């Protein structure tokens, strides 16, 4: 027979070809509409992602500026103006887990010690975390020398050649040849005390929340409270008298 679509006068095989073309045209139109929706959706999602990424980037940049300000202020302190190991002027590197400012030569030696002993960062080229900044603030070159150089000989002269500096640094941090254990124990006790004080400061907040929850349950009844939050039925009961709670609200 002739083509059912009426768009051509062909018969037989031509009718089937024409029908297939019509279906393909419909599918193409549907595909284009769907693709347009997908593209629009992706554009909206990407714009949200860009806004989130921009916000996070600005926040990270602001935090980094704060950290740089703290490090710059610390570098203005007298002992921090010189390398903690060889006393070279103007250190721009730091071992943040030890808490000392060091020069670029000593930074290379510290890296060779391994990260289980010394973790090295550039003062102004690397990103710093709040934890790393806190370690530097708690120590610094002056305090670190009280621990790591407590038992230095009185007539000790700081080495200057690369090899002798490396020997000294390994003795100082790896072998802990000059380390004052009693001072280290004292500082550890001080840290534990600060942690305990912080924990105690948080306890009153938890206690007040528990008391508030108990008062709420005494007022409304435990069945009217979901994890310490009064249900809608309980709020109605407090304002309009007793109500019958539905199973969903119980």
Protein backbone atom coordinates (compact mmCIF):
# COMPACT_ATOMS: atom_id res chain seq x y z
CA UNK A 1 0.00 0.00 0.00
CA UNK A 2 0.90 3.64 -0.08
CA UNK A 3 2.78 5.49 2.63
CA UNK A 4 0.50 5.93 5.67
CA UNK A 5 1.97 9.33 6.47
CA UNK A 6 0.72 10.72 3.19
CA UNK A 7 3.91 12.64 2.70
CA UNK A 8 4.94 10.68 -0.37
CA UNK A 9 3.39 8.56 -3.06
CA UNK A 10 5.79 5.68 -2.80
CA UNK A 11 4.57 2.15 -2.20
CA UNK A 12 6.00 -1.03 -0.64
CA UNK A 13 9.51 -0.62 0.73
CA UNK A 14 9.33 3.14 0.27
CA UNK A 15 6.50 3.32 2.84
CA UNK A 16 8.60 1.56 5.47
CA UNK A 17 11.55 3.88 4.80
CA UNK A 18 9.32 6.94 5.13
CA UNK A 19 7.85 5.68 8.42
CA UNK A 20 11.34 5.02 9.82
CA UNK A 21 12.38 8.52 8.86
CA UNK A 22 9.41 9.98 10.73
CA UNK A 23 10.26 8.01 13.87
CA UNK A 24 13.89 9.09 13.60
CA UNK A 25 12.79 12.69 13.32
CA UNK A 26 10.70 12.38 16.48
CA UNK A 27 13.58 10.71 18.34
CA UNK A 28 15.97 13.42 17.24
CA UNK A 29 13.63 16.12 18.49
CA UNK A 30 13.24 14.37 21.84
CA UNK A 31 16.99 13.89 22.08
CA UNK A 32 17.67 17.56 21.39
CA UNK A 33 15.13 18.67 24.01
CA UNK A 34 16.59 16.29 26.59
CA UNK A 35 20.11 17.41 25.74
CA UNK A 36 19.10 21.05 26.14
CA UNK A 37 17.68 20.29 29.60
CA UNK A 38 20.81 18.42 30.60
CA UNK A 39 23.06 21.24 29.43
CA UNK A 40 20.96 23.80 31.30
CA UNK A 41 21.08 21.67 34.45
CA UNK A 42 24.84 21.25 34.15
CA UNK A 43 25.30 24.97 33.69
CA UNK A 44 23.31 25.64 36.87
CA UNK A 45 25.26 23.02 38.82
CA UNK A 46 28.58 24.33 37.48
CA UNK A 47 27.68 27.88 38.49
CA UNK A 48 26.91 26.70 42.03
CA UNK A 49 30.18 24.73 42.09
CA UNK A 50 32.08 27.79 40.89
CA UNK A 51 30.52 29.91 43.62
CA UNK A 52 31.37 27.27 46.26
CA UNK A 53 34.90 26.87 44.95
CA UNK A 54 35.40 30.64 44.85
CA UNK A 55 34.11 30.97 48.40
CA UNK A 56 36.40 28.20 49.64
CA UNK A 57 39.32 29.70 47.77
CA UNK A 58 38.73 33.12 49.32
CA UNK A 59 38.42 31.57 52.76
CA UNK A 60 41.66 29.61 52.30
CA UNK A 61 43.44 32.73 51.06
CA UNK A 62 42.27 34.74 54.06
CA UNK A 63 43.43 31.99 56.43
CA UNK A 64 46.79 31.80 54.69
CA UNK A 65 47.24 35.57 55.06
CA UNK A 66 46.56 35.26 58.79
CA UNK A 67 49.13 32.48 59.07
CA UNK A 68 51.72 34.51 57.15
CA UNK A 69 51.15 37.43 59.50
CA UNK A 70 51.75 35.18 62.52
CA UNK A 71 54.94 33.72 61.04
CA UNK A 72 56.25 37.17 60.06
CA UNK A 73 55.65 38.41 63.59
CA UNK A 74 57.50 35.40 65.02
CA UNK A 75 60.45 35.94 62.66
CA UNK A 76 60.90 39.42 64.12
CA UNK A 77 61.75 37.91 67.50
CA UNK A 78 65.49 38.03 68.20
CA UNK A 79 66.27 34.29 68.36
CA UNK A 80 64.06 33.54 65.37
CA UNK A 81 66.09 35.94 63.21
CA UNK A 82 68.82 33.29 63.03
CA UNK A 83 68.84 29.62 62.06
CA UNK A 84 68.22 27.40 65.07
CA UNK A 85 71.08 25.08 64.06
CA UNK A 86 73.90 26.99 62.31
CA UNK A 87 72.81 30.54 63.26
CA UNK A 88 72.72 31.76 59.66
CA UNK A 89 70.88 35.06 59.39
CA UNK A 90 67.36 35.34 57.98
CA UNK A 91 65.88 31.83 58.05
CA UNK A 92 62.99 31.31 55.64
CA UNK A 93 62.27 27.65 56.39
CA UNK A 94 60.89 25.85 59.41
CA UNK A 95 60.59 22.41 60.94
CA UNK A 96 57.03 22.78 62.16
CA UNK A 97 56.79 19.62 64.28
CA UNK A 98 60.00 20.58 66.15
CA UNK A 99 58.96 24.25 66.13
CA UNK A 100 62.15 25.93 64.86
CA UNK A 101 63.09 28.34 62.07
CA UNK A 102 66.04 27.19 59.95
CA UNK A 103 68.03 28.24 56.88
CA UNK A 104 67.76 26.58 53.47
CA UNK A 105 70.93 24.49 54.00
CA UNK A 106 69.75 23.09 57.31
CA UNK A 107 66.27 22.57 55.80
CA UNK A 108 67.81 20.14 53.29
CA UNK A 109 69.52 18.24 56.12
CA UNK A 110 66.26 18.15 58.09
CA UNK A 111 64.52 16.61 55.06
CA UNK A 112 67.17 13.88 54.99
CA UNK A 113 66.34 13.01 58.60
CA UNK A 114 62.90 11.81 57.50
CA UNK A 115 59.42 13.08 58.31
CA UNK A 116 59.28 10.88 61.44
CA UNK A 117 61.86 13.28 62.93
CA UNK A 118 61.46 16.62 61.14
CA UNK A 119 58.71 18.01 58.89
CA UNK A 120 59.98 20.93 56.82
CA UNK A 121 57.99 23.76 55.23
CA UNK A 122 58.82 27.04 53.58
CA UNK A 123 57.71 30.03 55.60
CA UNK A 124 56.20 31.92 52.67
CA UNK A 125 56.01 29.42 49.77
CA UNK A 126 53.90 26.69 51.39
CA UNK A 127 50.38 26.60 52.76
CA UNK A 128 50.18 26.25 56.53
CA UNK A 129 47.49 24.58 58.63
CA UNK A 130 46.28 25.90 62.01
CA UNK A 131 47.85 22.87 63.70
CA UNK A 132 51.28 23.64 62.21
CA UNK A 133 51.06 27.30 63.20
CA UNK A 134 50.13 26.28 66.74
CA UNK A 135 53.21 24.04 66.97
CA UNK A 136 55.44 26.94 65.92
CA UNK A 137 53.81 29.30 68.41
CA UNK A 138 54.20 26.84 71.26
CA UNK A 139 57.93 26.38 70.60
CA UNK A 140 60.14 28.78 68.60
CA UNK A 141 63.95 28.81 68.52
CA UNK A 142 64.41 30.03 72.10
CA UNK A 143 62.27 27.36 73.71
CA UNK A 144 63.55 24.62 71.38
CA UNK A 145 67.14 25.27 72.44
CA UNK A 146 66.18 24.75 76.07
CA UNK A 147 65.16 21.22 75.12
CA UNK A 148 67.49 20.16 72.31
CA UNK A 149 70.65 22.03 73.41
CA UNK A 150 70.30 21.82 77.18
CA UNK A 151 73.40 19.65 77.56
CA UNK A 152 75.71 21.34 75.06
CA UNK A 153 79.32 21.71 76.31
CA UNK A 154 80.16 25.18 77.61
CA UNK A 155 82.94 25.73 75.05
CA UNK A 156 80.87 24.37 72.16
CA UNK A 157 81.34 26.18 68.82
CA UNK A 158 78.67 25.82 66.19
CA UNK A 159 79.84 24.00 63.06
CA UNK A 160 79.97 25.83 59.73
CA UNK A 161 80.91 23.26 57.07
CA UNK A 162 78.14 21.23 55.48
CA UNK A 163 79.37 17.90 56.83
CA UNK A 164 79.89 19.12 60.38
CA UNK A 165 76.47 20.85 60.37
CA UNK A 166 74.82 17.57 59.32
CA UNK A 167 76.62 15.68 62.10
CA UNK A 168 75.47 18.27 64.62
CA UNK A 169 71.85 18.21 63.43
CA UNK A 170 71.74 14.41 63.57
CA UNK A 171 73.20 14.46 67.08
CA UNK A 172 70.74 17.14 68.10
CA UNK A 173 67.45 15.77 66.73
CA UNK A 174 67.99 12.15 65.70
CA UNK A 175 70.20 10.89 68.54
CA UNK A 176 69.03 13.61 70.98
CA UNK A 177 72.51 13.84 72.38
CA UNK A 178 71.94 17.20 74.12
CA UNK A 179 68.24 16.72 74.93
CA UNK A 180 66.77 17.66 78.33
CA UNK A 181 64.26 14.94 79.19
CA UNK A 182 63.10 16.59 82.39
CA UNK A 183 62.16 19.79 80.53
CA UNK A 184 60.36 17.72 77.90
CA UNK A 185 58.35 15.94 80.59
CA UNK A 186 57.44 19.30 82.09
CA UNK A 187 56.17 20.64 78.76
CA UNK A 188 54.19 17.45 78.14
CA UNK A 189 52.54 17.82 81.54
CA UNK A 190 51.72 21.42 80.69
CA UNK A 191 50.10 20.34 77.39
CA UNK A 192 48.08 17.66 79.20
CA UNK A 193 46.93 20.24 81.72
CA UNK A 194 45.75 22.57 78.94
CA UNK A 195 43.82 19.72 77.32
CA UNK A 196 42.22 18.86 80.66
CA UNK A 197 41.23 22.51 81.19
CA UNK A 198 39.62 22.62 77.74
CA UNK A 199 37.73 19.43 78.49
CA UNK A 200 36.46 20.85 81.76
CA UNK A 201 35.38 24.05 80.03
CA UNK A 202 33.26 21.98 77.64
CA UNK A 203 31.64 19.93 80.43
CA UNK A 204 29.36 22.72 81.78
CA UNK A 205 27.87 23.13 78.30
CA UNK A 206 27.03 19.42 78.11
CA UNK A 207 25.65 19.46 81.66
CA UNK A 208 23.40 22.45 80.90
CA UNK A 209 22.04 20.68 77.81
CA UNK A 210 21.26 17.54 79.81
CA UNK A 211 19.50 19.59 82.52
CA UNK A 212 17.46 21.42 79.89
CA UNK A 213 16.40 18.12 78.33
CA UNK A 214 15.37 16.70 81.71
CA UNK A 215 13.32 19.81 82.50
CA UNK A 216 11.65 19.54 79.14
CA UNK A 217 10.74 15.90 79.71
CA UNK A 218 9.36 16.72 83.17
CA UNK A 219 7.20 19.44 81.62
CA UNK A 220 5.90 17.61 78.56
CA UNK A 221 6.60 13.98 79.39
CA UNK A 222 9.22 11.78 77.75
CA UNK A 223 6.76 10.54 75.12
CA UNK A 224 6.35 14.09 73.79
CA UNK A 225 10.05 14.64 73.18
CA UNK A 226 12.17 13.41 70.30
CA UNK A 227 15.90 13.50 71.19
CA UNK A 228 15.41 16.49 73.43
CA UNK A 229 13.25 18.42 70.91
CA UNK A 230 9.54 18.93 71.80
CA UNK A 231 7.20 17.60 69.13
CA UNK A 232 4.49 19.68 67.56
CA UNK A 233 1.94 17.96 69.76
CA UNK A 234 3.87 18.88 72.86
CA UNK A 235 4.00 22.53 71.81
CA UNK A 236 0.24 22.50 71.23
CA UNK A 237 -0.31 20.90 74.63
CA UNK A 238 1.68 23.63 76.35
CA UNK A 239 -0.28 26.43 74.71
CA UNK A 240 -3.80 25.05 74.21
CA UNK A 241 -4.14 22.33 76.83
CA UNK A 242 -4.08 18.54 76.36
CA UNK A 243 -4.27 17.18 72.84
CA UNK A 244 -4.35 13.65 71.47
CA UNK A 245 -1.12 12.93 69.63
CA UNK A 246 -1.28 10.98 66.42
CA UNK A 247 0.98 7.90 66.09
CA UNK A 248 3.27 9.89 63.77
CA UNK A 249 3.94 12.46 66.49
CA UNK A 250 4.37 9.97 69.33
